[in-house]
Amino acid sequence: MGTWADIRKHTRMFFTKQEGGFFIEVGALDGQQLSNTLWLEQELNWTGLLIEPDVYSYQALKSKHRRAWISNACLSEDNKVRETVHVTAKLRRGFVSQWQWHLLGASYQYGINRSPIFDEYLKQADQTYTKSTCFPLFSYILALNITSVDFLSLDTQGSEIDILKSLPWGQVNIRVIIVEIEDPKFAVGFTDYMTDKGYVLVDQETDYYFVRKGDPILTRV
């Protein structure tokens, strides 16, 4: 989710006129509301993978018929398949419905050391608990036989950094990575880690924008 307008601005700058790319959006919601990849699919004929652990959001995602693979799962923080509990936040009756997708975007994996920034949202929500299976991100890349990912959008409410650290960087090429980190205290050492893995931090707001060193995109930043 993140700051949707800022992400849209940056991705338009990064990928202007690039046809037929491949994206992975983790935390895809319904594939339409607050989507970071829908415009790439509609305007530039991209395809990709949409991952959404929340059952309610995933049912809505299926109805959108996106031109992409979809998966109702979460991502593991290591290279193992794990079972976990997903906490869904849904709007209580009587509250303004425009916040529903923001609340669903605040849904999270139980036990994750997440930012407290969404606590006020969650106080206005009914929370439900469902079992969810988490797979390593790299296992998806292998299963789809993808050699290069143009754009990875990662929003998992607290596990983003560990998910990236689980990747075998020598075996995967990801050009642009946008990571939502609501609370900077969770990002200590993160930029240095990504720099060591061959990325340039080109902007930092609520979201961290990384581009692989040497990529032509850097000439447009």
C-alpha atoms as a PDB file:
ATOM      1  CA  MET A   1       0.000   0.000   0.000  1.00  0.00           C
ATOM      2  CA  GLY A   2       2.351   2.729   1.251  1.00  0.00           C
ATOM      3  CA  THR A   3       1.997   6.292  -0.014  1.00  0.00           C
ATOM      4  CA  TRP A   4       0.205   5.363  -3.206  1.00  0.00           C
ATOM      5  CA  ALA A   5       0.554   8.698  -5.029  1.00  0.00           C
ATOM      6  CA  ASP A   6       4.304   8.847  -4.404  1.00  0.00           C
ATOM      7  CA  ILE A   7       4.794   5.286  -5.601  1.00  0.00           C
ATOM      8  CA  ARG A   8       2.797   6.052  -8.746  1.00  0.00           C
ATOM      9  CA  LYS A   9       4.956   9.112  -9.407  1.00  0.00           C
ATOM     10  CA  HIS A  10       8.181   7.153  -9.005  1.00  0.00           C
ATOM     11  CA  THR A  11       7.133   4.128 -11.042  1.00  0.00           C
ATOM     12  CA  ARG A  12       6.032   6.363 -13.907  1.00  0.00           C
ATOM     13  CA  MET A  13       9.473   7.948 -13.853  1.00  0.00           C
ATOM     14  CA  PHE A  14      11.234   4.573 -13.650  1.00  0.00           C
ATOM     15  CA  PHE A  15       9.262   2.691 -16.284  1.00  0.00           C
ATOM     16  CA  THR A  16       8.052   5.304 -18.742  1.00  0.00           C
ATOM     17  CA  LYS A  17       7.461   3.685 -22.148  1.00  0.00           C
ATOM     18  CA  GLN A  18       8.802   0.277 -21.043  1.00  0.00           C
ATOM     19  CA  GLU A  19       6.452  -2.285 -22.547  1.00  0.00           C
ATOM     20  CA  GLY A  20       5.958  -5.852 -21.389  1.00  0.00           C
ATOM     21  CA  GLY A  21       7.740  -5.874 -18.048  1.00  0.00           C
ATOM     22  CA  PHE A  22       7.250  -8.221 -15.103  1.00  0.00           C
ATOM     23  CA  PHE A  23       6.189  -7.172 -11.601  1.00  0.00           C
ATOM     24  CA  ILE A  24       5.704  -8.816  -8.225  1.00  0.00           C
ATOM     25  CA  GLU A  25       3.362  -6.998  -5.852  1.00  0.00           C
ATOM     26  CA  VAL A  26       3.242  -8.345  -2.305  1.00  0.00           C
ATOM     27  CA  GLY A  27       0.307  -6.968  -0.362  1.00  0.00           C
ATOM     28  CA  ALA A  28      -1.836  -6.581  -3.470  1.00  0.00           C
ATOM     29  CA  LEU A  29      -5.193  -6.096  -1.679  1.00  0.00           C
ATOM     30  CA  ASP A  30      -7.941  -6.455  -4.314  1.00  0.00           C
ATOM     31  CA  GLY A  31      -5.611  -5.659  -7.217  1.00  0.00           C
ATOM     32  CA  GLN A  32      -7.304  -2.340  -7.860  1.00  0.00           C
ATOM     33  CA  GLN A  33      -7.604  -0.163  -4.757  1.00  0.00           C
ATOM     34  CA  LEU A  34      -4.202   1.377  -3.973  1.00  0.00           C
ATOM     35  CA  SER A  35      -2.551  -0.943  -6.511  1.00  0.00           C
ATOM     36  CA  ASN A  36       1.055  -0.154  -7.407  1.00  0.00           C
ATOM     37  CA  THR A  37       1.023  -2.282 -10.562  1.00  0.00           C
ATOM     38  CA  LEU A  38      -2.393  -1.971 -12.219  1.00  0.00           C
ATOM     39  CA  TRP A  39      -1.349   0.954 -14.405  1.00  0.00           C
ATOM     40  CA  LEU A  40       1.661  -1.009 -15.684  1.00  0.00           C
ATOM     41  CA  GLU A  41      -0.655  -3.803 -16.750  1.00  0.00           C
ATOM     42  CA  GLN A  42      -3.258  -1.527 -18.329  1.00  0.00           C
ATOM     43  CA  GLU A  43      -1.006   1.013 -20.033  1.00  0.00           C
ATOM     44  CA  LEU A  44       2.232  -0.857 -20.769  1.00  0.00           C
ATOM     45  CA  ASN A  45       1.068  -4.459 -21.160  1.00  0.00           C
ATOM     46  CA  TRP A  46       2.976  -5.792 -18.164  1.00  0.00           C
ATOM     47  CA  THR A  47       2.179  -9.010 -16.339  1.00  0.00           C
ATOM     48  CA  GLY A  48       3.377 -10.438 -13.059  1.00  0.00           C
ATOM     49  CA  LEU A  49       2.513 -11.973  -9.720  1.00  0.00           C
ATOM     50  CA  LEU A  50       0.109 -10.604  -7.108  1.00  0.00           C
ATOM     51  CA  ILE A  51       0.415 -12.000  -3.575  1.00  0.00           C
ATOM     52  CA  GLU A  52      -2.268 -11.275  -0.979  1.00  0.00           C
ATOM     53  CA  PRO A  53      -2.567 -13.210   2.307  1.00  0.00           C
ATOM     54  CA  ASP A  54      -5.887 -11.781   3.458  1.00  0.00           C
ATOM     55  CA  VAL A  55      -8.829 -13.997   2.477  1.00  0.00           C
ATOM     56  CA  TYR A  56     -11.311 -11.113   2.109  1.00  0.00           C
ATOM     57  CA  SER A  57      -8.977  -9.092  -0.127  1.00  0.00           C
ATOM     58  CA  TYR A  58      -8.021 -12.163  -2.145  1.00  0.00           C
ATOM     59  CA  GLN A  59     -11.647 -12.962  -2.979  1.00  0.00           C
ATOM     60  CA  ALA A  60     -12.012  -9.431  -4.312  1.00  0.00           C
ATOM     61  CA  LEU A  61      -8.722  -9.793  -6.202  1.00  0.00           C
ATOM     62  CA  LYS A  62      -9.963 -12.891  -8.017  1.00  0.00           C
ATOM     63  CA  SER A  63     -12.982 -10.976  -9.285  1.00  0.00           C
ATOM     64  CA  LYS A  64     -10.793  -8.298 -10.923  1.00  0.00           C
ATOM     65  CA  HIS A  65      -9.375 -10.733 -13.518  1.00  0.00           C
ATOM     66  CA  ARG A  66      -5.940  -9.156 -13.550  1.00  0.00           C
ATOM     67  CA  ARG A  67      -3.557 -10.384 -16.261  1.00  0.00           C
ATOM     68  CA  ALA A  68      -1.226 -11.833 -13.655  1.00  0.00           C
ATOM     69  CA  TRP A  69      -0.725 -14.879 -11.481  1.00  0.00           C
ATOM     70  CA  ILE A  70      -2.326 -14.514  -8.067  1.00  0.00           C
ATOM     71  CA  SER A  71      -1.598 -16.255  -4.783  1.00  0.00           C
ATOM     72  CA  ASN A  72      -3.494 -16.284  -1.483  1.00  0.00           C
ATOM     73  CA  ALA A  73      -0.454 -16.685   0.754  1.00  0.00           C
ATOM     74  CA  CYS A  74       2.108 -14.782   2.773  1.00  0.00           C
ATOM     75  CA  LEU A  75       5.877 -14.624   2.341  1.00  0.00           C
ATOM     76  CA  SER A  76       8.246 -16.442   4.641  1.00  0.00           C
ATOM     77  CA  GLU A  77      11.013 -14.543   6.400  1.00  0.00           C
ATOM     78  CA  ASP A  78      13.460 -17.313   5.547  1.00  0.00           C
ATOM     79  CA  ASN A  79      13.779 -20.088   2.958  1.00  0.00           C
ATOM     80  CA  LYS A  80      11.240 -22.412   4.568  1.00  0.00           C
ATOM     81  CA  VAL A  81       7.499 -22.912   4.125  1.00  0.00           C
ATOM     82  CA  ARG A  82       5.725 -21.923   7.330  1.00  0.00           C
ATOM     83  CA  GLU A  83       2.211 -21.875   8.733  1.00  0.00           C
ATOM     84  CA  THR A  84       1.145 -18.685  10.458  1.00  0.00           C
ATOM     85  CA  VAL A  85      -1.914 -16.709  11.554  1.00  0.00           C
ATOM     86  CA  HIS A  86      -3.078 -13.698   9.552  1.00  0.00           C
ATOM     87  CA  VAL A  87      -4.941 -10.917  11.358  1.00  0.00           C
ATOM     88  CA  THR A  88      -7.558  -9.180   9.212  1.00  0.00           C
ATOM     89  CA  ALA A  89      -8.801  -5.729  10.171  1.00  0.00           C
ATOM     90  CA  LYS A  90     -12.288  -4.911   8.861  1.00  0.00           C
ATOM     91  CA  LEU A  91     -14.257  -1.731   9.352  1.00  0.00           C
ATOM     92  CA  ARG A  92     -16.890  -1.685  12.052  1.00  0.00           C
ATOM     93  CA  ARG A  93     -20.409  -0.792  11.027  1.00  0.00           C
ATOM     94  CA  GLY A  94     -21.011   2.944  11.143  1.00  0.00           C
ATOM     95  CA  PHE A  95     -17.511   4.066  10.190  1.00  0.00           C
ATOM     96  CA  VAL A  96     -16.711   5.806   6.893  1.00  0.00           C
ATOM     97  CA  SER A  97     -16.323   3.102   4.246  1.00  0.00           C
ATOM     98  CA  GLN A  98     -13.550   4.939   2.360  1.00  0.00           C
ATOM     99  CA  TRP A  99     -11.132   3.660   5.015  1.00  0.00           C
ATOM    100  CA  GLN A 100     -11.948   0.004   4.437  1.00  0.00           C
ATOM    101  CA  TRP A 101      -9.039  -0.685   2.101  1.00  0.00           C
ATOM    102  CA  HIS A 102      -6.635   1.242   4.310  1.00  0.00           C
ATOM    103  CA  LEU A 103      -7.692  -1.000   7.178  1.00  0.00           C
ATOM    104  CA  LEU A 104      -7.306  -4.129   5.090  1.00  0.00           C
ATOM    105  CA  GLY A 105      -3.880  -2.864   4.122  1.00  0.00           C
ATOM    106  CA  ALA A 106      -3.065  -2.691   7.831  1.00  0.00           C
ATOM    107  CA  SER A 107      -3.829  -6.388   8.247  1.00  0.00           C
ATOM    108  CA  TYR A 108      -0.769  -8.257   9.386  1.00  0.00           C
ATOM    109  CA  GLN A 109       0.883 -11.553  10.225  1.00  0.00           C
ATOM    110  CA  TYR A 110       0.434 -12.434  13.888  1.00  0.00           C
ATOM    111  CA  GLY A 111       3.677 -12.165  15.853  1.00  0.00           C
ATOM    112  CA  ILE A 112       5.449  -9.824  13.429  1.00  0.00           C
ATOM    113  CA  ASN A 113       7.338  -6.958  15.068  1.00  0.00           C
ATOM    114  CA  ARG A 114       5.310  -4.336  13.228  1.00  0.00           C
ATOM    115  CA  SER A 115       5.135  -0.560  13.464  1.00  0.00           C
ATOM    116  CA  PRO A 116       2.524   0.853  15.902  1.00  0.00           C
ATOM    117  CA  ILE A 117       1.563   3.513  13.352  1.00  0.00           C
ATOM    118  CA  PHE A 118      -1.639   1.647  12.410  1.00  0.00           C
ATOM    119  CA  ASP A 119      -2.786   1.096  16.001  1.00  0.00           C
ATOM    120  CA  GLU A 120      -5.386   3.879  15.785  1.00  0.00           C
ATOM    121  CA  TYR A 121      -6.794   2.291  12.616  1.00  0.00           C
ATOM    122  CA  LEU A 122      -6.960  -1.079  14.303  1.00  0.00           C
ATOM    123  CA  LYS A 123      -8.844   0.305  17.296  1.00  0.00           C
ATOM    124  CA  GLN A 124     -11.693   1.104  14.892  1.00  0.00           C
ATOM    125  CA  ALA A 125     -11.698  -2.376  13.389  1.00  0.00           C
ATOM    126  CA  ASP A 126     -13.036  -5.817  14.041  1.00  0.00           C
ATOM    127  CA  GLN A 127     -10.169  -8.277  13.843  1.00  0.00           C
ATOM    128  CA  THR A 128     -10.462 -11.849  12.616  1.00  0.00           C
ATOM    129  CA  TYR A 129      -7.822 -14.579  12.588  1.00  0.00           C
ATOM    130  CA  THR A 130      -7.171 -17.085   9.807  1.00  0.00           C
ATOM    131  CA  LYS A 131      -4.455 -19.635   9.122  1.00  0.00           C
ATOM    132  CA  SER A 132      -2.090 -18.735   6.311  1.00  0.00           C
ATOM    133  CA  THR A 133       0.811 -20.471   4.597  1.00  0.00           C
ATOM    134  CA  CYS A 134       3.996 -18.502   3.973  1.00  0.00           C
ATOM    135  CA  PHE A 135       6.302 -19.415   1.086  1.00  0.00           C
ATOM    136  CA  PRO A 136       9.788 -18.065   0.328  1.00  0.00           C
ATOM    137  CA  LEU A 137       9.733 -15.311  -2.281  1.00  0.00           C
ATOM    138  CA  PHE A 138      12.429 -17.080  -4.278  1.00  0.00           C
ATOM    139  CA  SER A 139      10.267 -20.210  -4.524  1.00  0.00           C
ATOM    140  CA  TYR A 140       7.697 -18.176  -6.488  1.00  0.00           C
ATOM    141  CA  ILE A 141      10.404 -16.885  -8.823  1.00  0.00           C
ATOM    142  CA  LEU A 142      11.641 -20.425  -9.427  1.00  0.00           C
ATOM    143  CA  ALA A 143       8.131 -21.805  -9.944  1.00  0.00           C
ATOM    144  CA  LEU A 144       7.357 -19.159 -12.569  1.00  0.00           C
ATOM    145  CA  ASN A 145      10.752 -19.687 -14.249  1.00  0.00           C
ATOM    146  CA  ILE A 146      11.413 -15.961 -14.171  1.00  0.00           C
ATOM    147  CA  THR A 147      14.991 -14.824 -14.768  1.00  0.00           C
ATOM    148  CA  SER A 148      14.402 -11.108 -14.185  1.00  0.00           C
ATOM    149  CA  VAL A 149      11.874  -9.068 -12.202  1.00  0.00           C
ATOM    150  CA  ASP A 150      11.509  -5.461 -13.292  1.00  0.00           C
ATOM    151  CA  PHE A 151       9.615  -4.239 -10.233  1.00  0.00           C
ATOM    152  CA  LEU A 152       9.127  -5.683  -6.753  1.00  0.00           C
ATOM    153  CA  SER A 153       6.605  -3.885  -4.525  1.00  0.00           C
ATOM    154  CA  LEU A 154       6.820  -5.145  -0.954  1.00  0.00           C
ATOM    155  CA  ASP A 155       4.284  -4.220   1.752  1.00  0.00           C
ATOM    156  CA  THR A 156       3.823  -6.853   4.458  1.00  0.00           C
ATOM    157  CA  GLN A 157       3.440  -4.746   7.607  1.00  0.00           C
ATOM    158  CA  GLY A 158       6.703  -5.601   9.284  1.00  0.00           C
ATOM    159  CA  SER A 159       8.456  -8.535   7.617  1.00  0.00           C
ATOM    160  CA  GLU A 160       9.762  -6.768   4.496  1.00  0.00           C
ATOM    161  CA  ILE A 161      13.437  -6.578   5.450  1.00  0.00           C
ATOM    162  CA  ASP A 162      13.669 -10.223   6.509  1.00  0.00           C
ATOM    163  CA  ILE A 163      11.931 -11.297   3.289  1.00  0.00           C
ATOM    164  CA  LEU A 164      14.579  -9.494   1.247  1.00  0.00           C
ATOM    165  CA  LYS A 165      17.367 -10.976   3.355  1.00  0.00           C
ATOM    166  CA  SER A 166      16.036 -14.444   2.526  1.00  0.00           C
ATOM    167  CA  LEU A 167      16.770 -13.983  -1.196  1.00  0.00           C
ATOM    168  CA  PRO A 168      19.801 -15.659  -2.821  1.00  0.00           C
ATOM    169  CA  TRP A 169      20.909 -12.444  -4.504  1.00  0.00           C
ATOM    170  CA  GLY A 170      23.354 -14.153  -6.812  1.00  0.00           C
ATOM    171  CA  GLN A 171      20.499 -16.109  -8.400  1.00  0.00           C
ATOM    172  CA  VAL A 172      17.919 -13.384  -8.927  1.00  0.00           C
ATOM    173  CA  ASN A 173      17.871 -10.100 -10.851  1.00  0.00           C
ATOM    174  CA  ILE A 174      15.419  -7.493  -9.548  1.00  0.00           C
ATOM    175  CA  ARG A 175      15.752  -4.061 -11.134  1.00  0.00           C
ATOM    176  CA  VAL A 176      13.588  -1.887  -8.866  1.00  0.00           C
ATOM    177  CA  ILE A 177      12.467  -2.590  -5.307  1.00  0.00           C
ATOM    178  CA  ILE A 178      10.023  -0.412  -3.389  1.00  0.00           C
ATOM    179  CA  VAL A 179       9.649  -1.287   0.279  1.00  0.00           C
ATOM    180  CA  GLU A 180       7.183   0.228   2.733  1.00  0.00           C
ATOM    181  CA  ILE A 181       8.687   0.818   6.175  1.00  0.00           C
ATOM    182  CA  GLU A 182       6.343   2.914   8.295  1.00  0.00           C
ATOM    183  CA  ASP A 183       8.701   3.337  11.254  1.00  0.00           C
ATOM    184  CA  PRO A 184      12.367   4.233  10.489  1.00  0.00           C
ATOM    185  CA  LYS A 185      13.595   2.470  13.636  1.00  0.00           C
ATOM    186  CA  PHE A 186      12.857  -0.820  11.865  1.00  0.00           C
ATOM    187  CA  ALA A 187      15.198   0.141   9.018  1.00  0.00           C
ATOM    188  CA  VAL A 188      18.456   0.482  10.949  1.00  0.00           C
ATOM    189  CA  GLY A 189      21.190  -0.928   8.718  1.00  0.00           C
ATOM    190  CA  PHE A 190      18.733  -1.711   5.914  1.00  0.00           C
ATOM    191  CA  THR A 191      20.094   0.808   3.413  1.00  0.00           C
ATOM    192  CA  ASP A 192      23.647  -0.406   4.021  1.00  0.00           C
ATOM    193  CA  TYR A 193      22.482  -3.981   3.465  1.00  0.00           C
ATOM    194  CA  MET A 194      20.825  -3.113   0.144  1.00  0.00           C
ATOM    195  CA  THR A 195      23.868  -1.107  -0.946  1.00  0.00           C
ATOM    196  CA  ASP A 196      26.016  -4.147  -0.245  1.00  0.00           C
ATOM    197  CA  LYS A 197      23.671  -6.208  -2.432  1.00  0.00           C
ATOM    198  CA  GLY A 198      24.150  -3.849  -5.364  1.00  0.00           C
ATOM    199  CA  TYR A 199      21.358  -1.280  -5.038  1.00  0.00           C
ATOM    200  CA  VAL A 200      21.181   2.501  -4.982  1.00  0.00           C
ATOM    201  CA  LEU A 201      18.691   4.225  -2.676  1.00  0.00           C
ATOM    202  CA  VAL A 202      17.203   6.880  -4.955  1.00  0.00           C
ATOM    203  CA  ASP A 203      14.524   8.210  -2.605  1.00  0.00           C
ATOM    204  CA  GLN A 204      13.203   7.629   0.886  1.00  0.00           C
ATOM    205  CA  GLU A 205       9.868   8.709   2.300  1.00  0.00           C
ATOM    206  CA  THR A 206       7.506   6.219   3.925  1.00  0.00           C
ATOM    207  CA  ASP A 207       8.740   3.968   1.142  1.00  0.00           C
ATOM    208  CA  TYR A 208      12.330   3.123   0.281  1.00  0.00           C
ATOM    209  CA  TYR A 209      13.096   3.228  -3.463  1.00  0.00           C
ATOM    210  CA  PHE A 210      16.000   1.071  -4.628  1.00  0.00           C
ATOM    211  CA  VAL A 211      17.361   0.705  -8.175  1.00  0.00           C
ATOM    212  CA  ARG A 212      20.015  -1.828  -9.121  1.00  0.00           C
ATOM    213  CA  LYS A 213      23.437  -0.296  -9.745  1.00  0.00           C
ATOM    214  CA  GLY A 214      24.163   0.223 -13.421  1.00  0.00           C
ATOM    215  CA  ASP A 215      20.517   0.056 -14.498  1.00  0.00           C
ATOM    216  CA  PRO A 216      19.567   2.626 -17.190  1.00  0.00           C
ATOM    217  CA  ILE A 217      16.685   3.721 -14.941  1.00  0.00           C
ATOM    218  CA  LEU A 218      19.248   5.613 -12.860  1.00  0.00           C
ATOM    219  CA  THR A 219      19.746   8.067 -15.732  1.00  0.00           C
ATOM    220  CA  ARG A 220      16.125   9.194 -15.284  1.00  0.00           C
ATOM    221  CA  VAL A 221      16.289   9.714 -11.531  1.00  0.00           C
END
